[in-house]
Amino acid sequence: MDVRFTTAGDTAFNVEFGEGIDRPTNARVMALHARLKTAAPPGLVETVPTFRSLQVVYDPAVTSRREVQAAVEAELAHAGDAPAEGSLWRLPVCYDAELGPDLAELSASLGLSAERLINLHGSTEYFVYMLGFMPGFAYMGDLPAELERPRRSEPRVRVPAGSVATAGRLTTVYPWESPGGWHLIGRCPVPLYDGARPSPVLLAAGDRVRFEAVDRARFDALSAETAAGRFDPDTLRAAP
């Protein structure tokens, strides 16, 4: 597969690996991302992985685009396409009708019962392709084909923080209250972004996620523990 370099302003460029959203392409992105973490050329500020490309940010006071790109090209030969496996997270989600206001409509439009939709969504292990849109917003795939549906034709002005949602072949958890056009099917009581944590963003590109259904009573209890600062989200990380 050919690699293309494109400009992203005067302090960054993109390394593009393809045009589609798929695991093999993203694996090459993540492999180069990991390689540059351990073999960073002088002046490299950070690398930002996306579905199909890696953005490389550098300090022009220390180095140049030509020097950094040459270093990246050299590392491409060693990066391979098998990055280290990320963490597995088990996130609680309450598929309550009040917390998932699109659950009934989405189920009906897909020709499924709400129970079938919940079972399909909760029985899949998802891969975090990238983070974007807002801090902590993880684009996770791949949603079962039976659940695929485009985004809402009319986005909401307000989506509550913690909303579990789907769009296309992706699913996510809204880390903040914000506008949004995805279909809301439940809610997670654990914030995916918390500025008080040493690492504010819970998920990282390359991680895996499984959603585990909880009832409303358990959801309310976890929400209260989280609000009081008594819940450690690291307990949701599966043992290696």
C-alpha atoms as a PDB file:
ATOM      1  CA  MET A   1       0.000   0.000   0.000  1.00  0.00           C
ATOM      2  CA  ASP A   2       1.378   3.399  -0.982  1.00  0.00           C
ATOM      3  CA  VAL A   3       1.915   6.019   1.710  1.00  0.00           C
ATOM      4  CA  ARG A   4       1.150   9.655   1.012  1.00  0.00           C
ATOM      5  CA  PHE A   5       2.474  12.702   2.876  1.00  0.00           C
ATOM      6  CA  THR A   6       0.231  15.780   3.035  1.00  0.00           C
ATOM      7  CA  THR A   7       0.766  19.171   4.653  1.00  0.00           C
ATOM      8  CA  ALA A   8      -1.176  20.121   7.805  1.00  0.00           C
ATOM      9  CA  GLY A   9      -0.061  23.691   8.453  1.00  0.00           C
ATOM     10  CA  ASP A  10       3.473  24.936   9.016  1.00  0.00           C
ATOM     11  CA  THR A  11       4.308  22.647  11.955  1.00  0.00           C
ATOM     12  CA  ALA A  12       2.717  19.330  10.977  1.00  0.00           C
ATOM     13  CA  PHE A  13       2.104  16.859   8.175  1.00  0.00           C
ATOM     14  CA  ASN A  14      -0.037  13.753   7.736  1.00  0.00           C
ATOM     15  CA  VAL A  15       1.101  10.259   6.826  1.00  0.00           C
ATOM     16  CA  GLU A  16      -1.853   8.748   4.950  1.00  0.00           C
ATOM     17  CA  PHE A  17      -2.175   4.982   4.538  1.00  0.00           C
ATOM     18  CA  GLY A  18      -5.440   4.603   2.640  1.00  0.00           C
ATOM     19  CA  GLU A  19      -8.942   5.881   2.039  1.00  0.00           C
ATOM     20  CA  GLY A  20     -11.208   3.534   4.020  1.00  0.00           C
ATOM     21  CA  ILE A  21     -12.008   2.768   7.642  1.00  0.00           C
ATOM     22  CA  ASP A  22     -10.761  -0.734   8.385  1.00  0.00           C
ATOM     23  CA  ARG A  23      -8.597  -2.521  10.910  1.00  0.00           C
ATOM     24  CA  PRO A  24      -5.647  -3.401   8.601  1.00  0.00           C
ATOM     25  CA  THR A  25      -5.215   0.240   7.555  1.00  0.00           C
ATOM     26  CA  ASN A  26      -5.560   1.480  11.117  1.00  0.00           C
ATOM     27  CA  ALA A  27      -3.068  -1.152  12.293  1.00  0.00           C
ATOM     28  CA  ARG A  28      -0.417   0.456  10.083  1.00  0.00           C
ATOM     29  CA  VAL A  29      -1.279   3.859  11.558  1.00  0.00           C
ATOM     30  CA  MET A  30      -0.952   2.552  15.109  1.00  0.00           C
ATOM     31  CA  ALA A  31       2.260   0.662  14.353  1.00  0.00           C
ATOM     32  CA  LEU A  32       3.954   3.840  13.114  1.00  0.00           C
ATOM     33  CA  HIS A  33       2.508   5.777  16.065  1.00  0.00           C
ATOM     34  CA  ALA A  34       4.063   3.249  18.470  1.00  0.00           C
ATOM     35  CA  ARG A  35       7.364   3.197  16.576  1.00  0.00           C
ATOM     36  CA  LEU A  36       7.756   6.982  16.734  1.00  0.00           C
ATOM     37  CA  LYS A  37       7.076   6.933  20.472  1.00  0.00           C
ATOM     38  CA  THR A  38      10.168   4.795  20.987  1.00  0.00           C
ATOM     39  CA  ALA A  39      12.296   6.216  18.161  1.00  0.00           C
ATOM     40  CA  ALA A  40      11.319   9.876  18.094  1.00  0.00           C
ATOM     41  CA  PRO A  41      13.478  12.080  15.855  1.00  0.00           C
ATOM     42  CA  PRO A  42      14.755  15.386  17.283  1.00  0.00           C
ATOM     43  CA  GLY A  43      12.083  18.070  17.317  1.00  0.00           C
ATOM     44  CA  LEU A  44       9.107  15.712  17.230  1.00  0.00           C
ATOM     45  CA  VAL A  45       6.321  17.167  19.423  1.00  0.00           C
ATOM     46  CA  GLU A  46       3.620  14.493  19.112  1.00  0.00           C
ATOM     47  CA  THR A  47       1.874  12.098  16.775  1.00  0.00           C
ATOM     48  CA  VAL A  48      -1.920  11.915  16.515  1.00  0.00           C
ATOM     49  CA  PRO A  49      -3.498   8.719  15.115  1.00  0.00           C
ATOM     50  CA  THR A  50      -6.739   8.795  13.115  1.00  0.00           C
ATOM     51  CA  PHE A  51      -8.727   6.182  11.181  1.00  0.00           C
ATOM     52  CA  ARG A  52      -6.329   6.069   8.234  1.00  0.00           C
ATOM     53  CA  SER A  53      -3.533   8.560   8.881  1.00  0.00           C
ATOM     54  CA  LEU A  54      -1.016   9.725  11.444  1.00  0.00           C
ATOM     55  CA  GLN A  55      -0.473  13.423  12.030  1.00  0.00           C
ATOM     56  CA  VAL A  56       3.128  14.282  12.855  1.00  0.00           C
ATOM     57  CA  VAL A  57       3.678  17.543  14.748  1.00  0.00           C
ATOM     58  CA  TYR A  58       7.177  19.016  14.992  1.00  0.00           C
ATOM     59  CA  ASP A  59       8.935  22.078  16.406  1.00  0.00           C
ATOM     60  CA  PRO A  60      10.269  24.222  13.519  1.00  0.00           C
ATOM     61  CA  ALA A  61      12.686  25.939  15.918  1.00  0.00           C
ATOM     62  CA  VAL A  62      14.448  22.599  16.381  1.00  0.00           C
ATOM     63  CA  THR A  63      14.035  20.797  13.072  1.00  0.00           C
ATOM     64  CA  SER A  64      12.455  21.020   9.625  1.00  0.00           C
ATOM     65  CA  ARG A  65       9.675  19.245   7.754  1.00  0.00           C
ATOM     66  CA  ARG A  66      12.260  17.669   5.455  1.00  0.00           C
ATOM     67  CA  GLU A  67      14.288  16.217   8.342  1.00  0.00           C
ATOM     68  CA  VAL A  68      11.286  14.866  10.231  1.00  0.00           C
ATOM     69  CA  GLN A  69       9.694  13.371   7.127  1.00  0.00           C
ATOM     70  CA  ALA A  70      12.960  11.659   6.220  1.00  0.00           C
ATOM     71  CA  ALA A  71      13.096  10.155   9.716  1.00  0.00           C
ATOM     72  CA  VAL A  72       9.471   9.000   9.449  1.00  0.00           C
ATOM     73  CA  GLU A  73      10.116   7.425   6.051  1.00  0.00           C
ATOM     74  CA  ALA A  74      13.044   5.510   7.536  1.00  0.00           C
ATOM     75  CA  GLU A  75      10.909   4.276  10.441  1.00  0.00           C
ATOM     76  CA  LEU A  76       8.131   3.116   8.116  1.00  0.00           C
ATOM     77  CA  ALA A  77      10.312   0.216   7.046  1.00  0.00           C
ATOM     78  CA  HIS A  78      10.538  -0.972  10.658  1.00  0.00           C
ATOM     79  CA  ALA A  79       7.039  -0.125  11.908  1.00  0.00           C
ATOM     80  CA  GLY A  80       5.270  -3.139  10.395  1.00  0.00           C
ATOM     81  CA  ASP A  81       1.527  -3.514  10.766  1.00  0.00           C
ATOM     82  CA  ALA A  82       1.087  -5.257  14.128  1.00  0.00           C
ATOM     83  CA  PRO A  83       1.036  -2.705  16.977  1.00  0.00           C
ATOM     84  CA  ALA A  84       0.934  -3.791  20.605  1.00  0.00           C
ATOM     85  CA  GLU A  85      -2.575  -4.580  21.801  1.00  0.00           C
ATOM     86  CA  GLY A  86      -4.236  -1.846  23.854  1.00  0.00           C
ATOM     87  CA  SER A  87      -6.156  -2.185  27.103  1.00  0.00           C
ATOM     88  CA  LEU A  88      -9.529  -3.914  27.288  1.00  0.00           C
ATOM     89  CA  TRP A  89     -12.183  -1.868  29.108  1.00  0.00           C
ATOM     90  CA  ARG A  90     -15.537  -3.121  30.389  1.00  0.00           C
ATOM     91  CA  LEU A  91     -17.829  -0.112  30.478  1.00  0.00           C
ATOM     92  CA  PRO A  92     -21.186  -0.288  32.281  1.00  0.00           C
ATOM     93  CA  VAL A  93     -24.180   0.940  30.295  1.00  0.00           C
ATOM     94  CA  CYS A  94     -27.819   1.239  31.262  1.00  0.00           C
ATOM     95  CA  TYR A  95     -30.116   0.648  28.281  1.00  0.00           C
ATOM     96  CA  ASP A  96     -33.050   2.277  30.073  1.00  0.00           C
ATOM     97  CA  ALA A  97     -35.663   3.901  27.802  1.00  0.00           C
ATOM     98  CA  GLU A  98     -35.280   7.232  29.607  1.00  0.00           C
ATOM     99  CA  LEU A  99     -31.492   7.163  29.236  1.00  0.00           C
ATOM    100  CA  GLY A 100     -31.598   5.866  25.654  1.00  0.00           C
ATOM    101  CA  PRO A 101     -34.324   7.974  24.019  1.00  0.00           C
ATOM    102  CA  ASP A 102     -33.643   6.596  20.516  1.00  0.00           C
ATOM    103  CA  LEU A 103     -33.684   2.937  21.531  1.00  0.00           C
ATOM    104  CA  ALA A 104     -37.307   2.215  20.572  1.00  0.00           C
ATOM    105  CA  GLU A 105     -37.257   4.189  17.311  1.00  0.00           C
ATOM    106  CA  LEU A 106     -33.902   2.765  16.235  1.00  0.00           C
ATOM    107  CA  SER A 107     -34.999  -0.797  17.009  1.00  0.00           C
ATOM    108  CA  ALA A 108     -38.190  -0.372  14.989  1.00  0.00           C
ATOM    109  CA  SER A 109     -36.377   1.168  12.015  1.00  0.00           C
ATOM    110  CA  LEU A 110     -33.943  -1.758  11.961  1.00  0.00           C
ATOM    111  CA  GLY A 111     -36.706  -4.345  12.260  1.00  0.00           C
ATOM    112  CA  LEU A 112     -35.373  -5.562  15.595  1.00  0.00           C
ATOM    113  CA  SER A 113     -36.734  -5.809  19.097  1.00  0.00           C
ATOM    114  CA  ALA A 114     -35.121  -3.527  21.666  1.00  0.00           C
ATOM    115  CA  GLU A 115     -33.842  -6.642  23.437  1.00  0.00           C
ATOM    116  CA  ARG A 116     -32.158  -7.876  20.247  1.00  0.00           C
ATOM    117  CA  LEU A 117     -30.532  -4.482  19.659  1.00  0.00           C
ATOM    118  CA  ILE A 118     -29.215  -4.406  23.226  1.00  0.00           C
ATOM    119  CA  ASN A 119     -27.869  -7.956  22.956  1.00  0.00           C
ATOM    120  CA  LEU A 120     -26.094  -7.205  19.679  1.00  0.00           C
ATOM    121  CA  HIS A 121     -24.582  -3.980  20.957  1.00  0.00           C
ATOM    122  CA  GLY A 122     -23.464  -5.536  24.228  1.00  0.00           C
ATOM    123  CA  SER A 123     -22.051  -8.762  22.781  1.00  0.00           C
ATOM    124  CA  THR A 124     -19.483  -7.088  20.520  1.00  0.00           C
ATOM    125  CA  GLU A 125     -15.906  -6.176  21.382  1.00  0.00           C
ATOM    126  CA  TYR A 126     -15.157  -2.748  19.921  1.00  0.00           C
ATOM    127  CA  PHE A 127     -11.873  -1.250  18.793  1.00  0.00           C
ATOM    128  CA  VAL A 128     -10.991   2.392  19.482  1.00  0.00           C
ATOM    129  CA  TYR A 129      -9.911   3.662  16.077  1.00  0.00           C
ATOM    130  CA  MET A 130      -9.257   7.242  17.160  1.00  0.00           C
ATOM    131  CA  LEU A 131     -10.258  10.105  19.448  1.00  0.00           C
ATOM    132  CA  GLY A 132     -11.666  13.354  18.107  1.00  0.00           C
ATOM    133  CA  PHE A 133     -14.539  15.868  18.056  1.00  0.00           C
ATOM    134  CA  MET A 134     -13.958  16.676  21.740  1.00  0.00           C
ATOM    135  CA  PRO A 135     -11.554  15.450  24.471  1.00  0.00           C
ATOM    136  CA  GLY A 136     -12.319  11.822  25.282  1.00  0.00           C
ATOM    137  CA  PHE A 137     -14.701  11.166  22.360  1.00  0.00           C
ATOM    138  CA  ALA A 138     -13.733   7.686  21.115  1.00  0.00           C
ATOM    139  CA  TYR A 139     -14.716   6.427  17.668  1.00  0.00           C
ATOM    140  CA  MET A 140     -15.254   2.697  18.225  1.00  0.00           C
ATOM    141  CA  GLY A 141     -15.990  -0.016  15.680  1.00  0.00           C
ATOM    142  CA  ASP A 142     -17.125  -2.140  14.230  1.00  0.00           C
ATOM    143  CA  LEU A 143     -20.815  -2.124  15.058  1.00  0.00           C
ATOM    144  CA  PRO A 144     -22.652  -5.279  13.904  1.00  0.00           C
ATOM    145  CA  ALA A 145     -24.035  -4.807  10.390  1.00  0.00           C
ATOM    146  CA  GLU A 146     -27.564  -5.390  11.701  1.00  0.00           C
ATOM    147  CA  LEU A 147     -27.290  -2.168  13.728  1.00  0.00           C
ATOM    148  CA  GLU A 148     -25.937   0.054  10.970  1.00  0.00           C
ATOM    149  CA  ARG A 149     -27.887   3.243  10.364  1.00  0.00           C
ATOM    150  CA  PRO A 150     -26.768   6.760   9.338  1.00  0.00           C
ATOM    151  CA  ARG A 151     -26.745   9.603  11.817  1.00  0.00           C
ATOM    152  CA  ARG A 152     -29.971  11.363  12.685  1.00  0.00           C
ATOM    153  CA  SER A 153     -31.234  13.752  10.012  1.00  0.00           C
ATOM    154  CA  GLU A 154     -31.707  16.404  12.712  1.00  0.00           C
ATOM    155  CA  PRO A 155     -28.966  16.539  15.369  1.00  0.00           C
ATOM    156  CA  ARG A 156     -29.870  17.307  18.960  1.00  0.00           C
ATOM    157  CA  VAL A 157     -28.817  20.587  20.510  1.00  0.00           C
ATOM    158  CA  ARG A 158     -28.088  18.804  23.792  1.00  0.00           C
ATOM    159  CA  VAL A 159     -26.791  15.271  24.309  1.00  0.00           C
ATOM    160  CA  PRO A 160     -26.161  14.395  27.985  1.00  0.00           C
ATOM    161  CA  ALA A 161     -22.653  13.403  29.030  1.00  0.00           C
ATOM    162  CA  GLY A 162     -22.253   9.639  29.194  1.00  0.00           C
ATOM    163  CA  SER A 163     -24.744   8.951  26.400  1.00  0.00           C
ATOM    164  CA  VAL A 164     -23.975   5.709  24.563  1.00  0.00           C
ATOM    165  CA  ALA A 165     -24.699   6.172  20.880  1.00  0.00           C
ATOM    166  CA  THR A 166     -24.388   4.635  17.418  1.00  0.00           C
ATOM    167  CA  ALA A 167     -24.000   5.964  13.874  1.00  0.00           C
ATOM    168  CA  GLY A 168     -23.051   4.016  10.771  1.00  0.00           C
ATOM    169  CA  ARG A 169     -20.798   1.149  11.876  1.00  0.00           C
ATOM    170  CA  LEU A 170     -19.501   3.078  14.897  1.00  0.00           C
ATOM    171  CA  THR A 171     -20.436   3.478  18.544  1.00  0.00           C
ATOM    172  CA  THR A 172     -19.276   5.950  21.192  1.00  0.00           C
ATOM    173  CA  VAL A 173     -19.841   7.421  24.647  1.00  0.00           C
ATOM    174  CA  TYR A 174     -20.260  11.195  24.765  1.00  0.00           C
ATOM    175  CA  PRO A 175     -17.699  12.417  27.342  1.00  0.00           C
ATOM    176  CA  TRP A 176     -19.299  15.864  27.650  1.00  0.00           C
ATOM    177  CA  GLU A 177     -22.732  17.373  27.247  1.00  0.00           C
ATOM    178  CA  SER A 178     -22.771  18.666  23.690  1.00  0.00           C
ATOM    179  CA  PRO A 179     -24.764  18.821  20.470  1.00  0.00           C
ATOM    180  CA  GLY A 180     -24.779  15.548  18.559  1.00  0.00           C
ATOM    181  CA  GLY A 181     -26.453  13.588  15.798  1.00  0.00           C
ATOM    182  CA  TRP A 182     -25.848   9.980  16.832  1.00  0.00           C
ATOM    183  CA  HIS A 183     -28.618   7.626  17.990  1.00  0.00           C
ATOM    184  CA  LEU A 184     -28.792   7.492  21.806  1.00  0.00           C
ATOM    185  CA  ILE A 185     -29.401   3.968  23.120  1.00  0.00           C
ATOM    186  CA  GLY A 186     -28.207   4.124  26.737  1.00  0.00           C
ATOM    187  CA  ARG A 187     -25.902   5.853  29.176  1.00  0.00           C
ATOM    188  CA  CYS A 188     -22.599   5.082  30.875  1.00  0.00           C
ATOM    189  CA  PRO A 189     -22.216   6.339  34.477  1.00  0.00           C
ATOM    190  CA  VAL A 190     -18.416   6.576  34.283  1.00  0.00           C
ATOM    191  CA  PRO A 191     -16.983   9.760  32.701  1.00  0.00           C
ATOM    192  CA  LEU A 192     -14.610   9.162  29.816  1.00  0.00           C
ATOM    193  CA  TYR A 193     -12.972  12.498  30.558  1.00  0.00           C
ATOM    194  CA  ASP A 194     -12.128  13.787  34.019  1.00  0.00           C
ATOM    195  CA  GLY A 195      -9.664  16.647  34.415  1.00  0.00           C
ATOM    196  CA  ALA A 196      -8.995  15.598  38.021  1.00  0.00           C
ATOM    197  CA  ARG A 197      -7.482  12.265  36.947  1.00  0.00           C
ATOM    198  CA  PRO A 198      -3.716  12.011  36.280  1.00  0.00           C
ATOM    199  CA  SER A 199      -4.647  10.852  32.764  1.00  0.00           C
ATOM    200  CA  PRO A 200      -7.886  12.760  32.079  1.00  0.00           C
ATOM    201  CA  VAL A 201      -8.908  10.723  29.004  1.00  0.00           C
ATOM    202  CA  LEU A 202      -9.918   7.167  29.897  1.00  0.00           C
ATOM    203  CA  LEU A 203      -9.668   5.494  26.482  1.00  0.00           C
ATOM    204  CA  ALA A 204      -6.816   5.609  23.988  1.00  0.00           C
ATOM    205  CA  ALA A 205      -6.583   4.779  20.307  1.00  0.00           C
ATOM    206  CA  GLY A 206      -5.881   1.059  20.021  1.00  0.00           C
ATOM    207  CA  ASP A 207      -7.859   0.125  23.144  1.00  0.00           C
ATOM    208  CA  ARG A 208     -10.751  -2.338  23.088  1.00  0.00           C
ATOM    209  CA  VAL A 209     -14.140  -1.892  24.756  1.00  0.00           C
ATOM    210  CA  ARG A 210     -16.960  -4.180  25.816  1.00  0.00           C
ATOM    211  CA  PHE A 211     -20.240  -2.753  27.109  1.00  0.00           C
ATOM    212  CA  GLU A 212     -21.808  -4.514  30.078  1.00  0.00           C
ATOM    213  CA  ALA A 213     -25.493  -3.911  30.759  1.00  0.00           C
ATOM    214  CA  VAL A 214     -26.494  -2.708  34.237  1.00  0.00           C
ATOM    215  CA  ASP A 215     -29.975  -1.983  35.566  1.00  0.00           C
ATOM    216  CA  ARG A 216     -31.169   1.475  36.575  1.00  0.00           C
ATOM    217  CA  ALA A 217     -30.457   0.930  40.275  1.00  0.00           C
ATOM    218  CA  ARG A 218     -26.834  -0.016  39.568  1.00  0.00           C
ATOM    219  CA  PHE A 219     -26.491   2.892  37.139  1.00  0.00           C
ATOM    220  CA  ASP A 220     -27.728   5.344  39.779  1.00  0.00           C
ATOM    221  CA  ALA A 221     -25.378   3.861  42.392  1.00  0.00           C
ATOM    222  CA  LEU A 222     -22.349   4.104  40.083  1.00  0.00           C
ATOM    223  CA  SER A 223     -23.302   7.659  39.129  1.00  0.00           C
ATOM    224  CA  ALA A 224     -23.438   8.620  42.809  1.00  0.00           C
ATOM    225  CA  GLU A 225     -20.080   6.959  43.542  1.00  0.00           C
ATOM    226  CA  THR A 226     -18.496   8.729  40.586  1.00  0.00           C
ATOM    227  CA  ALA A 227     -19.913  12.125  41.568  1.00  0.00           C
ATOM    228  CA  ALA A 228     -18.570  11.656  45.106  1.00  0.00           C
ATOM    229  CA  GLY A 229     -15.124  10.669  43.826  1.00  0.00           C
ATOM    230  CA  ARG A 230     -15.368   7.172  45.309  1.00  0.00           C
ATOM    231  CA  PHE A 231     -15.230   5.185  42.065  1.00  0.00           C
ATOM    232  CA  ASP A 232     -11.899   4.226  40.511  1.00  0.00           C
ATOM    233  CA  PRO A 233     -12.413   3.866  36.734  1.00  0.00           C
ATOM    234  CA  ASP A 234      -9.220   1.847  36.453  1.00  0.00           C
ATOM    235  CA  THR A 235     -11.185  -1.068  37.946  1.00  0.00           C
ATOM    236  CA  LEU A 236     -12.935  -1.258  34.563  1.00  0.00           C
ATOM    237  CA  ARG A 237      -9.677  -2.201  32.856  1.00  0.00           C
ATOM    238  CA  ALA A 238      -9.505  -5.962  32.331  1.00  0.00           C
ATOM    239  CA  ALA A 239      -6.477  -7.808  33.659  1.00  0.00           C
ATOM    240  CA  PRO A 240      -3.882  -8.597  30.950  1.00  0.00           C
END
